[in-house]
Amino acid sequence: KPYLGHIPREAVRASWSGLRPLVARPEADTARLARDHLIQKSA
């Protein structure tokens, strides 16, 4: 809104949600988790 002005809800033609897989670190906010990848070999 501060950049493009008011856009009404009915202007939304489609919406969707996706999940990001983030490698967990204790006490980390998801917005601050790095998107680096991990390879793990189980026993």
PDB file of all heavy atoms in Angstrom:
ATOM      1  N   LYS A   1       0.810  -1.227   0.000  1.00  0.00           N
ATOM      2  CA  LYS A   1       0.000   0.000   0.000  1.00  0.00           C
ATOM      3  C   LYS A   1       0.843   1.276   0.000  1.00  0.00           C
ATOM      4  O   LYS A   1       0.558   2.206  -0.769  1.00  0.00           O
ATOM      5  CB  LYS A   1      -0.965  -0.012   1.193  1.00  0.00           C
ATOM      6  CG  LYS A   1      -1.923   1.177   1.204  1.00  0.00           C
ATOM      7  CD  LYS A   1      -2.908   1.082   2.359  1.00  0.00           C
ATOM      8  CE  LYS A   1      -3.844   2.281   2.368  1.00  0.00           C
ATOM      9  NZ  LYS A   1      -4.819   2.211   3.492  1.00  0.00           N
ATOM     10  N   PRO A   2       1.922   1.392   0.828  1.00  0.00           N
ATOM     11  CA  PRO A   2       2.712   2.634   0.799  1.00  0.00           C
ATOM     12  C   PRO A   2       3.390   2.902  -0.544  1.00  0.00           C
ATOM     13  O   PRO A   2       3.772   4.039  -0.830  1.00  0.00           O
ATOM     14  CB  PRO A   2       3.760   2.409   1.904  1.00  0.00           C
ATOM     15  CG  PRO A   2       3.189   1.346   2.781  1.00  0.00           C
ATOM     16  CD  PRO A   2       2.404   0.464   1.870  1.00  0.00           C
ATOM     17  N   TYR A   3       3.543   1.879  -1.357  1.00  0.00           N
ATOM     18  CA  TYR A   3       4.272   2.008  -2.626  1.00  0.00           C
ATOM     19  C   TYR A   3       3.334   2.093  -3.832  1.00  0.00           C
ATOM     20  O   TYR A   3       3.613   2.818  -4.783  1.00  0.00           O
ATOM     21  CB  TYR A   3       5.219   0.815  -2.796  1.00  0.00           C
ATOM     22  CG  TYR A   3       6.271   0.745  -1.724  1.00  0.00           C
ATOM     23  CD1 TYR A   3       6.027   0.114  -0.515  1.00  0.00           C
ATOM     24  CD2 TYR A   3       7.508   1.353  -1.902  1.00  0.00           C
ATOM     25  CE1 TYR A   3       6.989   0.073   0.495  1.00  0.00           C
ATOM     26  CE2 TYR A   3       8.485   1.319  -0.909  1.00  0.00           C
ATOM     27  CZ  TYR A   3       8.206   0.682   0.291  1.00  0.00           C
ATOM     28  OH  TYR A   3       9.157   0.654   1.288  1.00  0.00           O
ATOM     29  N   LEU A   4       2.229   1.325  -3.808  1.00  0.00           N
ATOM     30  CA  LEU A   4       1.327   1.257  -4.963  1.00  0.00           C
ATOM     31  C   LEU A   4      -0.069   1.792  -4.662  1.00  0.00           C
ATOM     32  O   LEU A   4      -0.927   1.794  -5.544  1.00  0.00           O
ATOM     33  CB  LEU A   4       1.207  -0.197  -5.449  1.00  0.00           C
ATOM     34  CG  LEU A   4       2.501  -0.896  -5.869  1.00  0.00           C
ATOM     35  CD1 LEU A   4       2.203  -2.294  -6.370  1.00  0.00           C
ATOM     36  CD2 LEU A   4       3.241  -0.097  -6.938  1.00  0.00           C
ATOM     37  N   GLY A   5      -0.314   2.212  -3.420  1.00  0.00           N
ATOM     38  CA  GLY A   5      -1.649   2.667  -3.051  1.00  0.00           C
ATOM     39  C   GLY A   5      -2.535   1.500  -2.633  1.00  0.00           C
ATOM     40  O   GLY A   5      -2.131   0.340  -2.652  1.00  0.00           O
ATOM     41  N   HIS A   6      -3.762   1.817  -2.267  1.00  0.00           N
ATOM     42  CA  HIS A   6      -4.697   0.787  -1.794  1.00  0.00           C
ATOM     43  C   HIS A   6      -5.094  -0.149  -2.928  1.00  0.00           C
ATOM     44  O   HIS A   6      -5.485   0.288  -4.010  1.00  0.00           O
ATOM     45  CB  HIS A   6      -5.948   1.455  -1.216  1.00  0.00           C
ATOM     46  CG  HIS A   6      -7.025   0.482  -0.859  1.00  0.00           C
ATOM     47  ND1 HIS A   6      -6.901  -0.407   0.201  1.00  0.00           N
ATOM     48  CD2 HIS A   6      -8.243   0.227  -1.429  1.00  0.00           C
ATOM     49  CE1 HIS A   6      -7.986  -1.148   0.274  1.00  0.00           C
ATOM     50  NE2 HIS A   6      -8.819  -0.783  -0.694  1.00  0.00           N
ATOM     51  N   ILE A   7      -4.979  -1.450  -2.674  1.00  0.00           N
ATOM     52  CA  ILE A   7      -5.436  -2.470  -3.628  1.00  0.00           C
ATOM     53  C   ILE A   7      -6.519  -3.282  -2.919  1.00  0.00           C
ATOM     54  O   ILE A   7      -6.264  -3.896  -1.876  1.00  0.00           O
ATOM     55  CB  ILE A   7      -4.282  -3.385  -4.072  1.00  0.00           C
ATOM     56  CG1 ILE A   7      -3.205  -2.570  -4.791  1.00  0.00           C
ATOM     57  CG2 ILE A   7      -4.803  -4.502  -4.978  1.00  0.00           C
ATOM     58  CD1 ILE A   7      -1.940  -3.346  -5.108  1.00  0.00           C
ATOM     59  N   PRO A   8      -7.752  -3.272  -3.427  1.00  0.00           N
ATOM     60  CA  PRO A   8      -8.844  -3.966  -2.725  1.00  0.00           C
ATOM     61  C   PRO A   8      -8.671  -5.479  -2.753  1.00  0.00           C
ATOM     62  O   PRO A   8      -8.053  -6.035  -3.668  1.00  0.00           O
ATOM     63  CB  PRO A   8     -10.095  -3.530  -3.508  1.00  0.00           C
ATOM     64  CG  PRO A   8      -9.594  -3.160  -4.866  1.00  0.00           C
ATOM     65  CD  PRO A   8      -8.207  -2.619  -4.668  1.00  0.00           C
ATOM     66  N   ARG A   9      -9.233  -6.140  -1.756  1.00  0.00           N
ATOM     67  CA  ARG A   9      -9.156  -7.608  -1.667  1.00  0.00           C
ATOM     68  C   ARG A   9      -9.705  -8.272  -2.914  1.00  0.00           C
ATOM     69  O   ARG A   9      -9.180  -9.302  -3.383  1.00  0.00           O
ATOM     70  CB  ARG A   9      -9.916  -8.086  -0.406  1.00  0.00           C
ATOM     71  CG  ARG A   9     -10.099  -9.602  -0.293  1.00  0.00           C
ATOM     72  CD  ARG A   9      -8.762 -10.318  -0.138  1.00  0.00           C
ATOM     73  NE  ARG A   9      -8.897 -11.743   0.035  1.00  0.00           N
ATOM     74  CZ  ARG A   9      -9.002 -12.631  -0.967  1.00  0.00           C
ATOM     75  NH1 ARG A   9      -8.983 -12.219  -2.231  1.00  0.00           N
ATOM     76  NH2 ARG A   9      -9.105 -13.927  -0.716  1.00  0.00           N
ATOM     77  N   GLU A  10     -10.773  -7.693  -3.495  1.00  0.00           N
ATOM     78  CA  GLU A  10     -11.393  -8.329  -4.671  1.00  0.00           C
ATOM     79  C   GLU A  10     -10.517  -8.251  -5.917  1.00  0.00           C
ATOM     80  O   GLU A  10     -10.804  -8.910  -6.932  1.00  0.00           O
ATOM     81  CB  GLU A  10     -12.770  -7.717  -4.961  1.00  0.00           C
ATOM     82  CG  GLU A  10     -12.786  -6.215  -5.126  1.00  0.00           C
ATOM     83  CD  GLU A  10     -13.061  -5.474  -3.813  1.00  0.00           C
ATOM     84  OE1 GLU A  10     -12.783  -6.043  -2.730  1.00  0.00           O
ATOM     85  OE2 GLU A  10     -13.538  -4.324  -3.882  1.00  0.00           O
ATOM     86  N   ALA A  11      -9.414  -7.492  -5.843  1.00  0.00           N
ATOM     87  CA  ALA A  11      -8.480  -7.448  -6.977  1.00  0.00           C
ATOM     88  C   ALA A  11      -7.594  -8.686  -7.034  1.00  0.00           C
ATOM     89  O   ALA A  11      -6.909  -8.919  -8.038  1.00  0.00           O
ATOM     90  CB  ALA A  11      -7.602  -6.195  -6.885  1.00  0.00           C
ATOM     91  N   VAL A  12      -7.606  -9.495  -5.966  1.00  0.00           N
ATOM     92  CA  VAL A  12      -6.776 -10.705  -5.928  1.00  0.00           C
ATOM     93  C   VAL A  12      -7.435 -11.785  -6.776  1.00  0.00           C
ATOM     94  O   VAL A  12      -8.516 -12.270  -6.467  1.00  0.00           O
ATOM     95  CB  VAL A  12      -6.586 -11.190  -4.472  1.00  0.00           C
ATOM     96  CG1 VAL A  12      -5.780 -12.483  -4.442  1.00  0.00           C
ATOM     97  CG2 VAL A  12      -5.893 -10.113  -3.636  1.00  0.00           C
ATOM     98  N   ARG A  13      -6.764 -12.164  -7.864  1.00  0.00           N
ATOM     99  CA  ARG A  13      -7.340 -13.143  -8.799  1.00  0.00           C
ATOM    100  C   ARG A  13      -6.976 -14.582  -8.426  1.00  0.00           C
ATOM    101  O   ARG A  13      -7.660 -15.517  -8.819  1.00  0.00           O
ATOM    102  CB  ARG A  13      -6.868 -12.838 -10.225  1.00  0.00           C
ATOM    103  CG  ARG A  13      -7.210 -11.427 -10.663  1.00  0.00           C
ATOM    104  CD  ARG A  13      -6.786 -11.135 -12.092  1.00  0.00           C
ATOM    105  NE  ARG A  13      -7.720 -11.729 -13.037  1.00  0.00           N
ATOM    106  CZ  ARG A  13      -7.797 -11.374 -14.322  1.00  0.00           C
ATOM    107  NH1 ARG A  13      -7.006 -10.429 -14.798  1.00  0.00           N
ATOM    108  NH2 ARG A  13      -8.653 -11.960 -15.130  1.00  0.00           N
ATOM    109  N   ALA A  14      -5.900 -14.746  -7.698  1.00  0.00           N
ATOM    110  CA  ALA A  14      -5.485 -16.084  -7.255  1.00  0.00           C
ATOM    111  C   ALA A  14      -4.536 -15.907  -6.078  1.00  0.00           C
ATOM    112  O   ALA A  14      -3.921 -14.850  -5.904  1.00  0.00           O
ATOM    113  CB  ALA A  14      -4.803 -16.853  -8.385  1.00  0.00           C
ATOM    114  N   SER A  15      -4.415 -16.934  -5.264  1.00  0.00           N
ATOM    115  CA  SER A  15      -3.457 -16.925  -4.154  1.00  0.00           C
ATOM    116  C   SER A  15      -3.065 -18.359  -3.854  1.00  0.00           C
ATOM    117  O   SER A  15      -3.805 -19.292  -4.165  1.00  0.00           O
ATOM    118  CB  SER A  15      -4.072 -16.266  -2.915  1.00  0.00           C
ATOM    119  OG  SER A  15      -5.204 -16.998  -2.462  1.00  0.00           O
ATOM    120  N   TRP A  16      -1.881 -18.513  -3.279  1.00  0.00           N
ATOM    121  CA  TRP A  16      -1.441 -19.852  -2.892  1.00  0.00           C
ATOM    122  C   TRP A  16      -0.391 -19.746  -1.802  1.00  0.00           C
ATOM    123  O   TRP A  16       0.147 -18.677  -1.538  1.00  0.00           O
ATOM    124  CB  TRP A  16      -0.896 -20.631  -4.088  1.00  0.00           C
ATOM    125  CG  TRP A  16       0.413 -20.137  -4.612  1.00  0.00           C
ATOM    126  CD1 TRP A  16       1.663 -20.482  -4.196  1.00  0.00           C
ATOM    127  CD2 TRP A  16       0.614 -19.187  -5.672  1.00  0.00           C
ATOM    128  NE1 TRP A  16       2.615 -19.814  -4.917  1.00  0.00           N
ATOM    129  CE2 TRP A  16       2.009 -19.013  -5.830  1.00  0.00           C
ATOM    130  CE3 TRP A  16      -0.248 -18.464  -6.508  1.00  0.00           C
ATOM    131  CZ2 TRP A  16       2.551 -18.157  -6.769  1.00  0.00           C
ATOM    132  CZ3 TRP A  16       0.297 -17.610  -7.440  1.00  0.00           C
ATOM    133  CH2 TRP A  16       1.668 -17.463  -7.572  1.00  0.00           C
ATOM    134  N   SER A  17      -0.127 -20.872  -1.164  1.00  0.00           N
ATOM    135  CA  SER A  17       0.869 -20.940  -0.104  1.00  0.00           C
ATOM    136  C   SER A  17       1.824 -22.089  -0.376  1.00  0.00           C
ATOM    137  O   SER A  17       1.418 -23.135  -0.895  1.00  0.00           O
ATOM    138  CB  SER A  17       0.172 -21.157   1.254  1.00  0.00           C
ATOM    139  OG  SER A  17       1.117 -21.294   2.293  1.00  0.00           O
ATOM    140  N   GLY A  18       3.082 -21.903  -0.044  1.00  0.00           N
ATOM    141  CA  GLY A  18       4.078 -22.963  -0.187  1.00  0.00           C
ATOM    142  C   GLY A  18       4.899 -23.089   1.090  1.00  0.00           C
ATOM    143  O   GLY A  18       5.002 -22.138   1.872  1.00  0.00           O
ATOM    144  N   LEU A  19       5.478 -24.262   1.291  1.00  0.00           N
ATOM    145  CA  LEU A  19       6.285 -24.508   2.487  1.00  0.00           C
ATOM    146  C   LEU A  19       7.770 -24.538   2.133  1.00  0.00           C
ATOM    147  O   LEU A  19       8.166 -25.212   1.187  1.00  0.00           O
ATOM    148  CB  LEU A  19       5.902 -25.853   3.121  1.00  0.00           C
ATOM    149  CG  LEU A  19       4.477 -25.974   3.644  1.00  0.00           C
ATOM    150  CD1 LEU A  19       4.236 -27.389   4.161  1.00  0.00           C
ATOM    151  CD2 LEU A  19       4.211 -24.958   4.749  1.00  0.00           C
ATOM    152  N   ARG A  20       8.563 -23.812   2.897  1.00  0.00           N
ATOM    153  CA  ARG A  20      10.016 -23.868   2.722  1.00  0.00           C
ATOM    154  C   ARG A  20      10.593 -24.884   3.714  1.00  0.00           C
ATOM    155  O   ARG A  20      10.304 -24.801   4.903  1.00  0.00           O
ATOM    156  CB  ARG A  20      10.648 -22.507   3.011  1.00  0.00           C
ATOM    157  CG  ARG A  20      10.153 -21.366   2.170  1.00  0.00           C
ATOM    158  CD  ARG A  20      10.858 -20.077   2.606  1.00  0.00           C
ATOM    159  NE  ARG A  20      10.287 -18.918   1.953  1.00  0.00           N
ATOM    160  CZ  ARG A  20       9.269 -18.208   2.438  1.00  0.00           C
ATOM    161  NH1 ARG A  20       8.710 -18.567   3.582  1.00  0.00           N
ATOM    162  NH2 ARG A  20       8.800 -17.160   1.793  1.00  0.00           N
ATOM    163  N   PRO A  21      11.429 -25.801   3.235  1.00  0.00           N
ATOM    164  CA  PRO A  21      12.113 -26.710   4.169  1.00  0.00           C
ATOM    165  C   PRO A  21      13.391 -26.056   4.685  1.00  0.00           C
ATOM    166  O   PRO A  21      14.345 -25.854   3.936  1.00  0.00           O
ATOM    167  CB  PRO A  21      12.428 -27.925   3.296  1.00  0.00           C
ATOM    168  CG  PRO A  21      12.559 -27.368   1.910  1.00  0.00           C
ATOM    169  CD  PRO A  21      11.718 -26.129   1.833  1.00  0.00           C
ATOM    170  N   LEU A  22      13.411 -25.683   5.931  1.00  0.00           N
ATOM    171  CA  LEU A  22      14.566 -25.004   6.516  1.00  0.00           C
ATOM    172  C   LEU A  22      15.248 -25.920   7.517  1.00  0.00           C
ATOM    173  O   LEU A  22      14.584 -26.509   8.380  1.00  0.00           O
ATOM    174  CB  LEU A  22      14.124 -23.719   7.212  1.00  0.00           C
ATOM    175  CG  LEU A  22      13.366 -22.704   6.335  1.00  0.00           C
ATOM    176  CD1 LEU A  22      12.846 -21.559   7.190  1.00  0.00           C
ATOM    177  CD2 LEU A  22      14.262 -22.182   5.226  1.00  0.00           C
ATOM    178  N   VAL A  23      16.547 -26.061   7.391  1.00  0.00           N
ATOM    179  CA  VAL A  23      17.291 -26.912   8.318  1.00  0.00           C
ATOM    180  C   VAL A  23      17.225 -26.283   9.697  1.00  0.00           C
ATOM    181  O   VAL A  23      17.631 -25.133   9.907  1.00  0.00           O
ATOM    182  CB  VAL A  23      18.750 -27.081   7.855  1.00  0.00           C
ATOM    183  CG1 VAL A  23      19.522 -27.943   8.843  1.00  0.00           C
ATOM    184  CG2 VAL A  23      18.792 -27.705   6.463  1.00  0.00           C
ATOM    185  N   ALA A  24      16.683 -27.036  10.663  1.00  0.00           N
ATOM    186  CA  ALA A  24      16.369 -26.472  11.979  1.00  0.00           C
ATOM    187  C   ALA A  24      17.621 -26.152  12.768  1.00  0.00           C
ATOM    188  O   ALA A  24      18.585 -26.911  12.774  1.00  0.00           O
ATOM    189  CB  ALA A  24      15.490 -27.441  12.763  1.00  0.00           C
ATOM    190  N   ARG A  25      17.570 -25.009  13.433  1.00  0.00           N
ATOM    191  CA  ARG A  25      18.579 -24.657  14.426  1.00  0.00           C
ATOM    192  C   ARG A  25      17.835 -24.151  15.648  1.00  0.00           C
ATOM    193  O   ARG A  25      16.919 -23.331  15.521  1.00  0.00           O
ATOM    194  CB  ARG A  25      19.510 -23.555  13.902  1.00  0.00           C
ATOM    195  CG  ARG A  25      20.338 -23.973  12.702  1.00  0.00           C
ATOM    196  CD  ARG A  25      21.463 -22.960  12.469  1.00  0.00           C
ATOM    197  NE  ARG A  25      22.214 -23.326  11.287  1.00  0.00           N
ATOM    198  CZ  ARG A  25      22.071 -22.739  10.104  1.00  0.00           C
ATOM    199  NH1 ARG A  25      21.228 -21.768   9.947  1.00  0.00           N
ATOM    200  NH2 ARG A  25      22.789 -23.120   9.069  1.00  0.00           N
ATOM    201  N   PRO A  26      18.184 -24.602  16.825  1.00  0.00           N
ATOM    202  CA  PRO A  26      17.473 -24.166  18.019  1.00  0.00           C
ATOM    203  C   PRO A  26      17.466 -22.639  18.138  1.00  0.00           C
ATOM    204  O   PRO A  26      18.450 -21.978  17.823  1.00  0.00           O
ATOM    205  CB  PRO A  26      18.280 -24.797  19.166  1.00  0.00           C
ATOM    206  CG  PRO A  26      19.010 -25.945  18.541  1.00  0.00           C
ATOM    207  CD  PRO A  26      19.289 -25.535  17.125  1.00  0.00           C
ATOM    208  N   GLU A  27      16.354 -22.106  18.561  1.00  0.00           N
ATOM    209  CA  GLU A  27      16.180 -20.681  18.854  1.00  0.00           C
ATOM    210  C   GLU A  27      16.255 -19.797  17.611  1.00  0.00           C
ATOM    211  O   GLU A  27      16.423 -18.590  17.723  1.00  0.00           O
ATOM    212  CB  GLU A  27      17.249 -20.186  19.864  1.00  0.00           C
ATOM    213  CG  GLU A  27      17.384 -21.029  21.125  1.00  0.00           C
ATOM    214  CD  GLU A  27      16.070 -21.148  21.871  1.00  0.00           C
ATOM    215  OE1 GLU A  27      15.338 -20.164  21.944  1.00  0.00           O
ATOM    216  OE2 GLU A  27      15.778 -22.253  22.359  1.00  0.00           O
ATOM    217  N   ALA A  28      16.153 -20.373  16.410  1.00  0.00           N
ATOM    218  CA  ALA A  28      16.257 -19.543  15.200  1.00  0.00           C
ATOM    219  C   ALA A  28      14.868 -19.227  14.661  1.00  0.00           C
ATOM    220  O   ALA A  28      14.020 -20.100  14.553  1.00  0.00           O
ATOM    221  CB  ALA A  28      17.081 -20.261  14.131  1.00  0.00           C
ATOM    222  N   ASP A  29      14.656 -17.952  14.332  1.00  0.00           N
ATOM    223  CA  ASP A  29      13.428 -17.525  13.670  1.00  0.00           C
ATOM    224  C   ASP A  29      13.468 -18.044  12.236  1.00  0.00           C
ATOM    225  O   ASP A  29      14.514 -17.996  11.578  1.00  0.00           O
ATOM    226  CB  ASP A  29      13.413 -15.991  13.685  1.00  0.00           C
ATOM    227  CG  ASP A  29      12.146 -15.402  13.096  1.00  0.00           C
ATOM    228  OD1 ASP A  29      11.715 -15.883  12.039  1.00  0.00           O
ATOM    229  OD2 ASP A  29      11.621 -14.449  13.688  1.00  0.00           O
ATOM    230  N   THR A  30      12.322 -18.501  11.689  1.00  0.00           N
ATOM    231  CA  THR A  30      12.350 -19.063  10.327  1.00  0.00           C
ATOM    232  C   THR A  30      12.777 -18.017   9.301  1.00  0.00           C
ATOM    233  O   THR A  30      13.371 -18.350   8.275  1.00  0.00           O
ATOM    234  CB  THR A  30      10.979 -19.633   9.923  1.00  0.00           C
ATOM    235  OG1 THR A  30       9.981 -18.612  10.057  1.00  0.00           O
ATOM    236  CG2 THR A  30      10.607 -20.825  10.767  1.00  0.00           C
ATOM    237  N   ALA A  31      12.474 -16.750   9.556  1.00  0.00           N
ATOM    238  CA  ALA A  31      12.871 -15.711   8.601  1.00  0.00           C
ATOM    239  C   ALA A  31      14.383 -15.531   8.558  1.00  0.00           C
ATOM    240  O   ALA A  31      14.920 -14.950   7.626  1.00  0.00           O
ATOM    241  CB  ALA A  31      12.201 -14.386   8.960  1.00  0.00           C
ATOM    242  N   ARG A  32      15.095 -16.030   9.586  1.00  0.00           N
ATOM    243  CA  ARG A  32      16.545 -15.849   9.653  1.00  0.00           C
ATOM    244  C   ARG A  32      17.324 -17.139   9.412  1.00  0.00           C
ATOM    245  O   ARG A  32      18.540 -17.142   9.458  1.00  0.00           O
ATOM    246  CB  ARG A  32      16.929 -15.243  11.008  1.00  0.00           C
ATOM    247  CG  ARG A  32      16.379 -13.844  11.176  1.00  0.00           C
ATOM    248  CD  ARG A  32      17.015 -13.123  12.355  1.00  0.00           C
ATOM    249  NE  ARG A  32      16.621 -11.729  12.368  1.00  0.00           N
ATOM    250  CZ  ARG A  32      17.201 -10.775  11.661  1.00  0.00           C
ATOM    251  NH1 ARG A  32      18.209 -11.057  10.873  1.00  0.00           N
ATOM    252  NH2 ARG A  32      16.788  -9.538  11.729  1.00  0.00           N
ATOM    253  N   LEU A  33      16.622 -18.234   9.178  1.00  0.00           N
ATOM    254  CA  LEU A  33      17.337 -19.475   8.878  1.00  0.00           C
ATOM    255  C   LEU A  33      17.903 -19.409   7.470  1.00  0.00           C
ATOM    256  O   LEU A  33      17.231 -19.027   6.526  1.00  0.00           O
ATOM    257  CB  LEU A  33      16.394 -20.680   8.992  1.00  0.00           C
ATOM    258  CG  LEU A  33      16.014 -21.110  10.416  1.00  0.00           C
ATOM    259  CD1 LEU A  33      15.002 -22.240  10.349  1.00  0.00           C
ATOM    260  CD2 LEU A  33      17.234 -21.548  11.208  1.00  0.00           C
ATOM    261  N   ALA A  34      19.133 -19.808   7.313  1.00  0.00           N
ATOM    262  CA  ALA A  34      19.760 -19.827   5.988  1.00  0.00           C
ATOM    263  C   ALA A  34      19.123 -20.911   5.138  1.00  0.00           C
ATOM    264  O   ALA A  34      18.632 -21.911   5.637  1.00  0.00           O
ATOM    265  CB  ALA A  34      21.264 -20.088   6.113  1.00  0.00           C
ATOM    266  N   ARG A  35      19.164 -20.712   3.814  1.00  0.00           N
ATOM    267  CA  ARG A  35      18.581 -21.704   2.913  1.00  0.00           C
ATOM    268  C   ARG A  35      19.665 -22.640   2.391  1.00  0.00           C
ATOM    269  O   ARG A  35      19.568 -23.151   1.276  1.00  0.00           O
ATOM    270  CB  ARG A  35      17.888 -20.978   1.743  1.00  0.00           C
ATOM    271  CG  ARG A  35      16.767 -20.060   2.169  1.00  0.00           C
ATOM    272  CD  ARG A  35      15.496 -20.794   2.564  1.00  0.00           C
ATOM    273  NE  ARG A  35      14.834 -21.345   1.388  1.00  0.00           N
ATOM    274  CZ  ARG A  35      14.054 -20.639   0.579  1.00  0.00           C
ATOM    275  NH1 ARG A  35      13.836 -19.363   0.812  1.00  0.00           N
ATOM    276  NH2 ARG A  35      13.470 -21.202  -0.463  1.00  0.00           N
ATOM    277  N   ASP A  36      20.726 -22.869   3.177  1.00  0.00           N
ATOM    278  CA  ASP A  36      21.750 -23.804   2.752  1.00  0.00           C
ATOM    279  C   ASP A  36      21.218 -25.230   2.908  1.00  0.00           C
ATOM    280  O   ASP A  36      20.297 -25.478   3.671  1.00  0.00           O
ATOM    281  CB  ASP A  36      23.064 -23.610   3.521  1.00  0.00           C
ATOM    282  CG  ASP A  36      22.864 -23.560   5.024  1.00  0.00           C
ATOM    283  OD1 ASP A  36      21.844 -23.013   5.461  1.00  0.00           O
ATOM    284  OD2 ASP A  36      23.720 -24.066   5.773  1.00  0.00           O
ATOM    285  N   HIS A  37      21.814 -26.167   2.159  1.00  0.00           N
ATOM    286  CA  HIS A  37      21.273 -27.524   2.144  1.00  0.00           C
ATOM    287  C   HIS A  37      22.107 -28.465   3.000  1.00  0.00           C
ATOM    288  O   HIS A  37      23.225 -28.155   3.412  1.00  0.00           O
ATOM    289  CB  HIS A  37      21.159 -28.041   0.715  1.00  0.00           C
ATOM    290  CG  HIS A  37      22.455 -28.108  -0.034  1.00  0.00           C
ATOM    291  ND1 HIS A  37      22.996 -27.037  -0.693  1.00  0.00           N
ATOM    292  CD2 HIS A  37      23.320 -29.146  -0.245  1.00  0.00           C
ATOM    293  CE1 HIS A  37      24.124 -27.392  -1.279  1.00  0.00           C
ATOM    294  NE2 HIS A  37      24.351 -28.666  -1.020  1.00  0.00           N
ATOM    295  N   LEU A  38      21.520 -29.617   3.248  1.00  0.00           N
ATOM    296  CA  LEU A  38      22.124 -30.603   4.126  1.00  0.00           C
ATOM    297  C   LEU A  38      22.002 -31.987   3.497  1.00  0.00           C
ATOM    298  O   LEU A  38      20.946 -32.341   2.949  1.00  0.00           O
ATOM    299  CB  LEU A  38      21.388 -30.595   5.477  1.00  0.00           C
ATOM    300  CG  LEU A  38      21.780 -31.686   6.480  1.00  0.00           C
ATOM    301  CD1 LEU A  38      23.123 -31.355   7.110  1.00  0.00           C
ATOM    302  CD2 LEU A  38      20.707 -31.820   7.559  1.00  0.00           C
ATOM    303  N   ILE A  39      23.079 -32.758   3.544  1.00  0.00           N
ATOM    304  CA  ILE A  39      23.039 -34.173   3.169  1.00  0.00           C
ATOM    305  C   ILE A  39      23.277 -34.977   4.434  1.00  0.00           C
ATOM    306  O   ILE A  39      24.262 -34.752   5.140  1.00  0.00           O
ATOM    307  CB  ILE A  39      24.121 -34.506   2.120  1.00  0.00           C
ATOM    308  CG1 ILE A  39      23.884 -33.727   0.827  1.00  0.00           C
ATOM    309  CG2 ILE A  39      24.145 -36.017   1.840  1.00  0.00           C
ATOM    310  CD1 ILE A  39      25.023 -33.820  -0.166  1.00  0.00           C
ATOM    311  N   GLN A  40      22.372 -35.902   4.722  1.00  0.00           N
ATOM    312  CA  GLN A  40      22.508 -36.734   5.916  1.00  0.00           C
ATOM    313  C   GLN A  40      22.419 -38.206   5.522  1.00  0.00           C
ATOM    314  O   GLN A  40      21.517 -38.598   4.777  1.00  0.00           O
ATOM    315  CB  GLN A  40      21.421 -36.416   6.937  1.00  0.00           C
ATOM    316  CG  GLN A  40      21.595 -37.183   8.252  1.00  0.00           C
ATOM    317  CD  GLN A  40      20.326 -37.173   9.077  1.00  0.00           C
ATOM    318  OE1 GLN A  40      19.319 -37.753   8.702  1.00  0.00           O
ATOM    319  NE2 GLN A  40      20.380 -36.513  10.214  1.00  0.00           N
ATOM    320  N   LYS A  41      23.329 -39.004   6.032  1.00  0.00           N
ATOM    321  CA  LYS A  41      23.285 -40.450   5.841  1.00  0.00           C
ATOM    322  C   LYS A  41      22.894 -41.090   7.169  1.00  0.00           C
ATOM    323  O   LYS A  41      23.560 -40.880   8.184  1.00  0.00           O
ATOM    324  CB  LYS A  41      24.645 -40.975   5.383  1.00  0.00           C
ATOM    325  CG  LYS A  41      24.668 -42.477   5.117  1.00  0.00           C
ATOM    326  CD  LYS A  41      26.078 -42.937   4.737  1.00  0.00           C
ATOM    327  CE  LYS A  41      26.118 -44.440   4.492  1.00  0.00           C
ATOM    328  NZ  LYS A  41      27.509 -44.913   4.268  1.00  0.00           N
ATOM    329  N   SER A  42      21.801 -41.870   7.146  1.00  0.00           N
ATOM    330  CA  SER A  42      21.357 -42.520   8.379  1.00  0.00           C
ATOM    331  C   SER A  42      22.184 -43.774   8.637  1.00  0.00           C
ATOM    332  O   SER A  42      22.956 -44.224   7.781  1.00  0.00           O
ATOM    333  CB  SER A  42      19.873 -42.890   8.282  1.00  0.00           C
ATOM    334  OG  SER A  42      19.701 -44.020   7.433  1.00  0.00           O
ATOM    335  N   ALA A  43      21.990 -44.369   9.803  1.00  0.00           N
ATOM    336  CA  ALA A  43      22.731 -45.587  10.159  1.00  0.00           C
ATOM    337  C   ALA A  43      22.449 -46.718   9.184  1.00  0.00           C
ATOM    338  O   ALA A  43      23.293 -47.578   8.936  1.00  0.00           O
ATOM    339  CB  ALA A  43      22.361 -46.013  11.585  1.00  0.00           C
TER     340      ALA A  43
END
